[in-house]
Amino acid sequence: MKITLLSGKTFNYSEALGFEIKIVKSATAKKLNLRIDERHRIPILTIPRFCSNRKALNFVEQHRDWIKNTLARLPQHQAFSNGSKISIAGQNYTILHNPSQHGIKLENNRLLIGGTPEFLHRRVCDFLKKYATTYLHNLSVSIAAKIGHHVHKVTVKETKSRWGSCSSKNNINYNWRIIMAPEFVINYLVSHEVSHLQHPNHSKEFWQCVENLCPNWQEGRHWLKIKGKDLYIWF
């Protein structure tokens, strides 16, 4: 793999490690830190400001087996296809492809999709993003009303690390893939972001607000932490 270190030089370790790694230089980090970007399936190494190149290289080498084993345990990527099972807002559907059909629609626990098969995966993704935008907007507005707040705008994105975020302008962003999570997980995430309209922090008062809106919030939070990565198998 190729490792770009502090000096800006590129070192090739493809024969030794066999995968790529992303290097992040941090002015605030106190020590070397290695994690796995489960979405892109690459390790990320954070390097403190005054760490030497050699120390960083040795650190990666020492954790080579951990990197390989962790990557090997990640679910394999899949594309949506005819017959795929999918959850949408807590309901289970089967994707059925009909080339003669126009457009895409939900009907009797089936996601019916037309067009040519080579574009089926993209059409399903586009449908889910559109569906998520409407669903999450309506749910956010409804939950926000319970605490007397107004949601200005809801947007779904292909976010890298966050499932959701809330701005000071009352704009809420969600990772579109959350629409494939169980309903109690979606309710937790929306309650979490809506609570930030009232508490722009993670204080005790914030978590009490989350609990008032979503009594089983801990279950939803735990699911995201443990199983959230599974939503990225559709890639």
Protein backbone atom coordinates (compact mmCIF):
# COMPACT_ATOMS: atom_id res chain seq x y z
CA MET A 1 0.00 0.00 0.00
CA LYS A 2 1.00 3.64 -0.26
CA ILE A 3 1.52 5.67 2.90
CA THR A 4 1.89 9.43 2.69
CA LEU A 5 3.71 10.62 5.80
CA LEU A 6 4.68 13.99 7.31
CA SER A 7 7.54 14.57 4.96
CA GLY A 8 5.18 14.34 2.02
CA LYS A 9 7.13 11.42 0.60
CA THR A 10 5.32 8.33 -0.60
CA PHE A 11 6.43 4.94 0.67
CA ASN A 12 5.32 1.73 -1.01
CA TYR A 13 4.46 -1.13 1.31
CA SER A 14 2.10 -3.01 -1.03
CA GLU A 15 4.07 -6.25 -0.85
CA ALA A 16 4.22 -6.20 2.96
CA LEU A 17 0.67 -5.07 3.77
CA GLY A 18 -1.38 -5.32 0.58
CA PHE A 19 -3.82 -2.48 1.20
CA GLU A 20 -3.98 1.32 1.26
CA ILE A 21 -3.98 3.52 4.33
CA LYS A 22 -5.01 7.13 4.84
CA ILE A 23 -2.69 9.33 6.89
CA VAL A 24 -4.06 12.30 8.83
CA LYS A 25 -1.66 14.80 10.43
CA SER A 26 -3.14 16.35 13.56
CA ALA A 27 -1.91 19.35 15.54
CA THR A 28 -3.96 18.29 18.58
CA ALA A 29 -3.44 14.52 18.69
CA LYS A 30 -1.30 13.32 21.58
CA LYS A 31 -0.48 9.89 20.23
CA LEU A 32 -0.71 7.70 17.16
CA ASN A 33 -4.21 6.40 16.55
CA LEU A 34 -5.34 3.75 14.10
CA ARG A 35 -8.95 3.10 13.09
CA ILE A 36 -10.87 1.53 10.22
CA ASP A 37 -13.05 3.56 7.88
CA GLU A 38 -15.74 0.90 7.50
CA ARG A 39 -17.46 2.69 4.64
CA HIS A 40 -14.37 2.93 2.40
CA ARG A 41 -12.72 -0.15 3.90
CA ILE A 42 -9.38 1.46 4.59
CA PRO A 43 -7.39 2.06 7.79
CA ILE A 44 -6.84 5.64 8.89
CA LEU A 45 -3.75 6.57 10.89
CA THR A 46 -3.74 9.83 12.83
CA ILE A 47 -0.24 11.18 13.42
CA PRO A 48 0.67 13.76 16.10
CA ARG A 49 2.45 16.88 14.95
CA PHE A 50 5.96 15.91 16.04
CA CYS A 51 5.84 12.19 15.29
CA SER A 52 8.67 10.87 13.14
CA ASN A 53 8.10 9.05 9.90
CA ARG A 54 9.86 5.96 11.17
CA LYS A 55 7.74 5.77 14.33
CA ALA A 56 4.56 6.04 12.25
CA LEU A 57 5.74 3.29 9.90
CA ASN A 58 6.63 1.01 12.80
CA PHE A 59 3.24 1.61 14.39
CA VAL A 60 1.44 0.53 11.23
CA GLU A 61 3.67 -2.52 10.88
CA GLN A 62 2.98 -3.58 14.48
CA HIS A 63 -0.75 -3.46 13.81
CA ARG A 64 -0.65 -5.14 10.42
CA ASP A 65 -2.46 -8.29 11.55
CA TRP A 66 -5.15 -6.28 13.34
CA ILE A 67 -5.78 -4.25 10.17
CA LYS A 68 -6.09 -7.34 7.98
CA ASN A 69 -8.32 -9.20 10.43
CA THR A 70 -10.59 -6.21 10.97
CA LEU A 71 -11.01 -5.59 7.24
CA ALA A 72 -11.71 -9.29 6.68
CA ARG A 73 -14.60 -9.20 9.18
CA LEU A 74 -16.40 -6.36 7.41
CA PRO A 75 -19.55 -7.35 5.44
CA GLN A 76 -18.98 -7.70 1.72
CA HIS A 77 -20.37 -4.96 -0.53
CA GLN A 78 -23.48 -5.79 -2.52
CA ALA A 79 -25.50 -4.12 -5.24
CA PHE A 80 -29.28 -4.01 -5.21
CA SER A 81 -30.66 -6.59 -7.62
CA ASN A 82 -33.86 -8.41 -8.51
CA GLY A 83 -34.95 -10.36 -5.43
CA SER A 84 -32.90 -8.37 -2.91
CA LYS A 85 -34.49 -7.93 0.51
CA ILE A 86 -34.49 -4.39 1.85
CA SER A 87 -35.87 -2.52 4.86
CA ILE A 88 -37.39 0.92 4.25
CA ALA A 89 -38.44 2.95 7.29
CA GLY A 90 -38.81 -0.23 9.31
CA GLN A 91 -40.82 -2.17 6.72
CA ASN A 92 -39.41 -5.13 4.79
CA TYR A 93 -39.63 -5.20 1.00
CA THR A 94 -38.47 -7.39 -1.84
CA ILE A 95 -37.04 -5.72 -4.94
CA LEU A 96 -38.79 -6.93 -8.09
CA HIS A 97 -37.54 -5.84 -11.48
CA ASN A 98 -39.94 -5.44 -14.40
CA PRO A 99 -38.25 -4.03 -17.53
CA SER A 100 -41.58 -2.94 -19.04
CA GLN A 101 -42.59 -0.92 -15.99
CA HIS A 102 -42.13 2.84 -15.88
CA GLY A 103 -40.59 4.30 -12.73
CA ILE A 104 -40.41 2.74 -9.26
CA LYS A 105 -43.01 2.27 -6.53
CA LEU A 106 -43.80 0.47 -3.28
CA GLU A 107 -46.66 -2.02 -3.42
CA ASN A 108 -47.62 -4.93 -1.15
CA ASN A 109 -44.21 -5.31 0.49
CA ARG A 110 -42.53 -5.10 -2.89
CA LEU A 111 -40.32 -2.42 -4.38
CA LEU A 112 -41.28 -2.53 -8.04
CA ILE A 113 -38.70 -1.07 -10.40
CA GLY A 114 -38.57 -0.76 -14.17
CA GLY A 115 -35.87 0.08 -16.69
CA THR A 116 -32.83 -1.86 -17.77
CA PRO A 117 -31.14 -4.15 -15.21
CA GLU A 118 -27.72 -2.46 -15.37
CA PHE A 119 -29.17 0.68 -13.80
CA LEU A 120 -31.29 -1.05 -11.16
CA HIS A 121 -28.90 -0.43 -8.28
CA ARG A 122 -28.62 3.28 -9.05
CA ARG A 123 -32.40 3.64 -9.40
CA VAL A 124 -32.97 1.98 -6.03
CA CYS A 125 -30.41 4.29 -4.39
CA ASP A 126 -32.03 7.35 -5.98
CA PHE A 127 -35.46 6.19 -4.80
CA LEU A 128 -34.21 5.63 -1.24
CA LYS A 129 -32.62 9.09 -1.09
CA LYS A 130 -35.83 10.72 -2.29
CA TYR A 131 -37.96 8.66 0.08
CA ALA A 132 -35.61 9.40 2.98
CA THR A 133 -35.78 13.15 2.31
CA THR A 134 -39.57 13.24 2.60
CA TYR A 135 -39.81 10.74 5.45
CA LEU A 136 -37.09 12.30 7.60
CA HIS A 137 -38.36 15.82 6.96
CA ASN A 138 -41.87 14.95 8.10
CA LEU A 139 -40.66 13.01 11.14
CA SER A 140 -38.23 15.78 12.15
CA VAL A 141 -40.92 18.45 11.90
CA SER A 142 -43.34 16.32 13.91
CA ILE A 143 -40.89 15.55 16.70
CA ALA A 144 -39.55 19.12 16.82
CA ALA A 145 -43.08 20.39 17.38
CA LYS A 146 -43.22 18.38 20.60
CA ILE A 147 -40.56 20.63 22.12
CA GLY A 148 -41.79 23.82 20.48
CA HIS A 149 -39.10 24.11 17.83
CA HIS A 150 -39.12 24.59 14.07
CA VAL A 151 -36.97 22.71 11.58
CA HIS A 152 -35.84 25.00 8.79
CA LYS A 153 -34.52 22.42 6.34
CA VAL A 154 -33.82 18.70 6.18
CA THR A 155 -31.22 17.30 3.78
CA VAL A 156 -30.03 13.75 3.15
CA LYS A 157 -26.42 13.23 2.15
CA GLU A 158 -23.73 10.61 1.62
CA THR A 159 -21.95 11.59 4.83
CA LYS A 160 -18.59 10.07 5.71
CA SER A 161 -18.78 9.58 9.46
CA ARG A 162 -21.96 11.05 10.94
CA TRP A 163 -25.47 9.70 10.84
CA GLY A 164 -26.87 13.16 11.41
CA SER A 165 -26.05 16.75 12.29
CA CYS A 166 -27.94 19.88 13.29
CA SER A 167 -26.79 23.44 12.55
CA SER A 168 -27.40 26.67 14.44
CA LYS A 169 -29.75 27.67 11.61
CA ASN A 170 -32.09 24.76 12.45
CA ASN A 171 -30.96 22.78 9.41
CA ILE A 172 -30.70 19.02 9.93
CA ASN A 173 -28.64 16.67 7.78
CA TYR A 174 -29.02 12.91 7.74
CA ASN A 175 -27.10 10.07 6.17
CA TRP A 176 -29.60 8.71 3.63
CA ARG A 177 -28.75 5.13 4.55
CA ILE A 178 -30.51 5.52 7.90
CA ILE A 179 -33.80 4.98 6.04
CA MET A 180 -32.81 1.28 5.83
CA ALA A 181 -32.48 0.98 9.62
CA PRO A 182 -35.25 -0.33 11.92
CA GLU A 183 -37.93 2.21 12.84
CA PHE A 184 -36.79 2.53 16.47
CA VAL A 185 -33.30 3.43 15.26
CA ILE A 186 -34.63 6.12 12.91
CA ASN A 187 -36.76 7.53 15.73
CA TYR A 188 -33.72 7.69 17.99
CA LEU A 189 -31.57 9.47 15.41
CA VAL A 190 -34.26 12.04 14.58
CA SER A 191 -34.94 12.64 18.28
CA HIS A 192 -31.21 13.10 18.81
CA GLU A 193 -30.85 15.72 16.08
CA VAL A 194 -34.08 17.50 17.00
CA SER A 195 -32.92 17.73 20.61
CA HIS A 196 -29.96 19.76 19.37
CA LEU A 197 -32.43 22.47 18.37
CA GLN A 198 -32.89 23.07 22.08
CA HIS A 199 -29.54 21.92 23.44
CA PRO A 200 -26.57 22.50 21.04
CA ASN A 201 -24.39 20.16 23.12
CA HIS A 202 -24.41 16.73 24.71
CA SER A 203 -25.19 17.88 28.24
CA LYS A 204 -27.31 16.04 30.80
CA GLU A 205 -30.23 18.22 29.74
CA PHE A 206 -29.72 17.21 26.12
CA TRP A 207 -29.89 13.50 26.86
CA GLN A 208 -32.95 14.04 29.03
CA CYS A 209 -34.60 15.74 26.06
CA VAL A 210 -33.69 12.78 23.84
CA GLU A 211 -35.20 10.38 26.37
CA ASN A 212 -38.39 12.40 26.62
CA LEU A 213 -38.78 12.22 22.84
CA CYS A 214 -37.59 8.63 22.45
CA PRO A 215 -37.80 6.53 25.65
CA ASN A 216 -35.87 3.61 24.11
CA TRP A 217 -33.11 5.87 22.75
CA GLN A 218 -30.35 3.74 24.27
CA GLU A 219 -31.48 0.76 22.23
CA GLY A 220 -31.40 2.81 19.04
CA ARG A 221 -28.00 4.27 19.86
CA HIS A 222 -26.59 0.82 20.59
CA TRP A 223 -27.94 -0.56 17.30
CA LEU A 224 -26.23 2.19 15.32
CA LYS A 225 -22.96 1.61 17.12
CA ILE A 226 -22.98 -2.15 16.57
CA LYS A 227 -24.93 -2.66 13.33
CA GLY A 228 -24.83 0.72 11.62
CA LYS A 229 -21.91 -0.42 9.46
CA ASP A 230 -24.14 -3.10 7.95
CA LEU A 231 -26.08 -0.39 6.11
CA TYR A 232 -22.96 0.14 4.01
CA ILE A 233 -23.03 -3.30 2.45
CA TRP A 234 -25.21 -1.74 -0.28
CA PHE A 235 -22.56 0.18 -2.14
